[in-house]
Protein backbone atom coordinates (compact mmCIF):
# COMPACT_ATOMS: atom_id res chain seq x y z
CA UNK A 1 -32.82 -2.73 12.42
CA UNK A 2 -35.73 -0.98 14.01
CA UNK A 3 -39.19 -2.02 14.08
CA UNK A 4 -40.76 0.61 11.38
CA UNK A 5 -43.89 1.30 13.32
CA UNK A 6 -47.02 2.14 11.29
CA UNK A 7 -49.27 2.57 14.31
CA UNK A 8 -50.01 4.98 17.29
CA UNK A 9 -52.21 5.71 20.37
CA UNK A 10 -54.22 8.61 20.12
CA UNK A 11 -57.48 10.17 21.84
CA UNK A 12 -60.40 8.86 20.29
CA UNK A 13 -62.83 12.06 20.60
CA UNK A 14 -62.01 15.94 21.84
CA UNK A 15 -63.79 16.13 25.32
CA UNK A 16 -63.83 18.58 28.17
CA UNK A 17 -63.68 18.33 31.90
CA UNK A 18 -63.92 20.27 34.66
CA UNK A 19 -62.39 19.75 38.16
CA UNK A 20 -62.59 22.30 41.61
CA UNK A 21 -60.11 22.58 43.93
CA UNK A 22 -60.34 25.48 46.62
CA UNK A 23 -62.15 27.25 44.97
CA UNK A 24 -59.90 27.38 42.05
CA UNK A 25 -62.05 26.02 38.78
CA UNK A 26 -59.56 24.18 36.20
CA UNK A 27 -61.16 23.19 33.00
CA UNK A 28 -59.55 20.85 30.47
CA UNK A 29 -60.18 20.33 26.41
CA UNK A 30 -58.26 17.66 25.06
CA UNK A 31 -58.26 18.39 20.93
CA UNK A 32 -56.56 16.36 18.31
CA UNK A 33 -53.86 17.60 16.68
CA UNK A 34 -51.61 16.78 13.28
CA UNK A 35 -49.17 19.66 12.78
CA UNK A 36 -48.61 23.12 15.04
CA UNK A 37 -50.83 25.55 13.29
CA UNK A 38 -53.23 23.70 14.53
CA UNK A 39 -52.08 23.77 17.80
CA UNK A 40 -51.72 27.80 17.90
CA UNK A 41 -55.67 27.90 16.52
CA UNK A 42 -56.72 25.51 19.30
CA UNK A 43 -54.96 27.77 21.88
CA UNK A 44 -56.20 30.98 20.55
CA UNK A 45 -59.48 29.05 20.50
CA UNK A 46 -59.35 27.96 24.21
CA UNK A 47 -58.32 32.18 25.05
CA UNK A 48 -60.97 33.42 23.57
CA UNK A 49 -63.47 31.06 25.36
CA UNK A 50 -61.71 32.45 28.73
CA UNK A 51 -60.89 35.29 28.47
CA UNK A 52 -60.83 35.78 31.99
CA UNK A 53 -58.87 33.09 32.73
CA UNK A 54 -56.28 33.28 35.11
CA UNK A 55 -53.81 30.81 32.90
CA UNK A 56 -53.92 28.96 30.46
CA UNK A 57 -51.40 26.09 30.38
CA UNK A 58 -50.85 23.46 28.61
CA UNK A 59 -49.17 20.40 26.52
CA UNK A 60 -49.28 18.73 23.14
CA UNK A 61 -47.57 15.88 21.16
CA UNK A 62 -47.08 15.79 17.44
CA UNK A 63 -45.51 13.21 15.00
CA UNK A 64 -43.85 9.87 16.17
CA UNK A 65 -40.42 8.41 15.99
CA UNK A 66 -39.41 10.69 18.53
CA UNK A 67 -42.80 13.01 18.78
CA UNK A 68 -41.88 16.34 18.83
CA UNK A 69 -43.50 17.56 22.52
CA UNK A 70 -43.99 20.90 24.30
CA UNK A 71 -45.20 22.19 27.75
CA UNK A 72 -46.13 25.59 29.18
CA UNK A 73 -46.26 26.30 32.83
CA UNK A 74 -48.62 29.82 31.41
CA UNK A 75 -47.15 31.98 34.30
CA UNK A 76 -47.70 28.61 36.87
CA UNK A 77 -44.75 28.34 39.37
CA UNK A 78 -42.06 26.55 37.33
CA UNK A 79 -42.90 23.07 36.74
CA UNK A 80 -45.80 23.10 38.83
CA UNK A 81 -48.53 22.95 35.45
CA UNK A 82 -46.98 21.65 32.25
CA UNK A 83 -44.90 19.20 32.77
CA UNK A 84 -47.97 17.55 34.95
CA UNK A 85 -49.82 17.73 31.86
CA UNK A 86 -47.33 16.12 29.92
CA UNK A 87 -47.27 13.30 32.19
CA UNK A 88 -50.55 13.05 31.51
CA UNK A 89 -49.74 12.03 27.68
CA UNK A 90 -46.37 10.32 28.33
CA UNK A 91 -47.76 7.87 30.49
CA UNK A 92 -50.38 6.50 27.89
CA UNK A 93 -48.17 6.71 25.30
CA UNK A 94 -50.29 8.88 23.03
CA UNK A 95 -49.12 11.45 20.58
CA UNK A 96 -51.37 14.11 17.76
CA UNK A 97 -52.76 15.43 20.90
CA UNK A 98 -53.35 18.98 22.71
CA UNK A 99 -54.54 19.02 26.86
CA UNK A 100 -55.13 22.62 27.80
CA UNK A 101 -56.03 23.04 31.29
CA UNK A 102 -57.26 26.68 31.88
CA UNK A 103 -57.59 27.55 35.26
CA UNK A 104 -59.60 30.51 37.15
CA UNK A 105 -58.07 31.22 40.57
CA UNK A 106 -60.48 30.72 43.61
CA UNK A 107 -58.66 33.17 46.27
CA UNK A 108 -56.51 30.26 48.11
CA UNK A 109 -53.30 29.48 46.87
CA UNK A 110 -53.15 25.99 46.44
CA UNK A 111 -48.90 25.55 46.94
CA UNK A 112 -46.87 23.81 44.69
CA UNK A 113 -47.50 20.52 45.07
CA UNK A 114 -51.24 21.26 45.27
CA UNK A 115 -50.96 22.54 41.77
CA UNK A 116 -49.27 19.76 40.62
CA UNK A 117 -52.02 17.54 41.40
CA UNK A 118 -54.57 19.41 40.04
CA UNK A 119 -53.19 20.25 36.90
CA UNK A 120 -52.09 16.31 36.60
CA UNK A 121 -55.71 15.18 37.84
CA UNK A 122 -57.11 17.63 35.45
CA UNK A 123 -55.48 16.20 32.57
CA UNK A 124 -56.07 12.47 33.31
CA UNK A 125 -59.46 13.25 33.47
CA UNK A 126 -60.15 14.87 30.34
CA UNK A 127 -57.71 11.85 28.74
CA UNK A 128 -60.08 9.43 30.32
CA UNK A 129 -63.36 11.02 28.77
CA UNK A 130 -61.75 11.01 25.29
CA UNK A 131 -60.90 7.61 25.12
CA UNK A 132 -57.82 6.20 23.68
CA UNK A 133 -57.79 4.70 19.90
CA UNK A 134 -54.96 2.95 18.01
CA UNK A 135 -54.32 5.13 14.68
CA UNK A 136 -52.20 3.88 11.24
CA UNK A 137 -49.55 6.44 11.27
CA UNK A 138 -49.76 9.10 8.00
CA UNK A 139 -47.67 11.16 6.26
CA UNK A 140 -48.85 14.93 5.53
CA UNK A 141 -48.37 16.71 2.47
CA UNK A 142 -49.40 20.51 1.49
CA UNK A 143 -49.90 20.83 -2.42
CA UNK A 144 -49.95 24.32 -4.51
CA UNK A 145 -52.53 23.92 -7.18
CA UNK A 146 -52.54 25.72 -11.03
CA UNK A 147 -55.45 27.17 -10.39
CA UNK A 148 -57.49 26.07 -13.20
CA UNK A 149 -56.40 22.25 -12.23
CA UNK A 150 -57.69 22.76 -8.62
CA UNK A 151 -60.96 20.38 -9.11
CA UNK A 152 -58.86 18.20 -11.35
CA UNK A 153 -56.48 17.69 -8.88
CA UNK A 154 -58.81 17.42 -6.21
CA UNK A 155 -60.80 14.34 -8.11
CA UNK A 156 -57.57 12.87 -9.05
CA UNK A 157 -56.68 12.80 -4.80
CA UNK A 158 -60.14 11.43 -4.31
CA UNK A 159 -58.93 8.76 -6.41
CA UNK A 160 -55.23 8.34 -4.97
CA UNK A 161 -56.53 8.36 -1.81
CA UNK A 162 -59.63 6.55 -1.78
CA UNK A 163 -61.38 8.79 -0.02
CA UNK A 164 -61.97 12.78 0.52
CA UNK A 165 -61.66 12.32 4.55
CA UNK A 166 -58.32 12.72 4.26
CA UNK A 167 -58.19 15.87 2.67
CA UNK A 168 -58.64 19.02 3.45
CA UNK A 169 -58.77 21.86 0.53
CA UNK A 170 -58.41 25.87 0.77
CA UNK A 171 -59.53 26.84 -2.95
CA UNK A 172 -58.98 30.39 -1.97
CA UNK A 173 -55.29 29.70 -1.35
CA UNK A 174 -54.77 27.05 -3.85
CA UNK A 175 -53.69 24.65 -1.25
CA UNK A 176 -54.76 21.07 -0.67
CA UNK A 177 -53.36 19.29 2.74
CA UNK A 178 -54.26 15.55 2.80
CA UNK A 179 -52.85 12.59 4.42
CA UNK A 180 -51.91 9.07 3.08
CA UNK A 181 -50.76 5.97 5.15
CA UNK A 182 -47.09 5.37 5.88
CA UNK A 183 -46.61 2.19 3.85
CA UNK A 184 -48.14 3.99 0.84
CA UNK A 185 -44.70 7.17 0.74
CA UNK A 186 -43.17 6.07 -1.72
CA UNK A 187 -45.81 5.56 -4.20
CA UNK A 188 -47.40 8.94 -3.14
CA UNK A 189 -44.00 10.72 -3.94
CA UNK A 190 -44.08 9.12 -7.29
CA UNK A 191 -47.82 10.62 -7.66
CA UNK A 192 -46.73 14.05 -7.17
CA UNK A 193 -43.61 14.20 -8.89
CA UNK A 194 -45.81 12.72 -12.15
CA UNK A 195 -48.81 15.54 -11.68
CA UNK A 196 -45.81 18.10 -10.58
CA UNK A 197 -44.52 17.35 -14.52
CA UNK A 198 -47.95 17.41 -16.10
CA UNK A 199 -48.25 20.93 -14.25
CA UNK A 200 -51.51 20.11 -12.01
CA UNK A 201 -49.17 21.27 -9.52
CA UNK A 202 -47.23 23.65 -8.86
CA UNK A 203 -44.97 22.74 -5.65
CA UNK A 204 -45.41 20.13 -3.38
CA UNK A 205 -44.00 19.60 0.54
CA UNK A 206 -44.33 16.95 3.46
CA UNK A 207 -45.33 18.85 6.29
CA UNK A 208 -45.90 16.44 9.25
CA UNK A 209 -42.41 15.92 11.88
CA UNK A 210 -40.60 13.48 9.63
């Protein structure tokens, strides 16, 4: 029987670093992410921050057992950008993070090996400045709340979760996103089903990758 995993490694903080190779600038950003919508938001954020960049190459990993992962060369020659960035995440066994490396072309082609080395080094630099931390695995849920019960449901969730830091509120849409440790999963299912029967909840769904 496989041992159940309750912890994972990820970055301690979001960071930025820059590498210059033959006048080409490689600006690397690291982000903590827990779902794909967050990934898309961060990519759009970087693209609007550097609208005139030559390339926005990135890799991400989400979840566990096994993690979802993705990388893209974003117009660079095949295998020269996304895979080297992803390789840096894999070597440190990290998940729930996104690394984007923005390139400004400096006028001189670096060649396949030069690009691989540059993107890999840029990714490793930003990971080093981000630090690594061990975190407890959580399950993530999105709730659709009866509008008349929104604040009451928030209060009950704060009590259930023992902290408000695990809650992400969107009262305009009547949505609450929250996380609980995996060892409380069955307890959470029972809690949510009870609140649905009591008509505090219109619907709930688990939205992590498990």
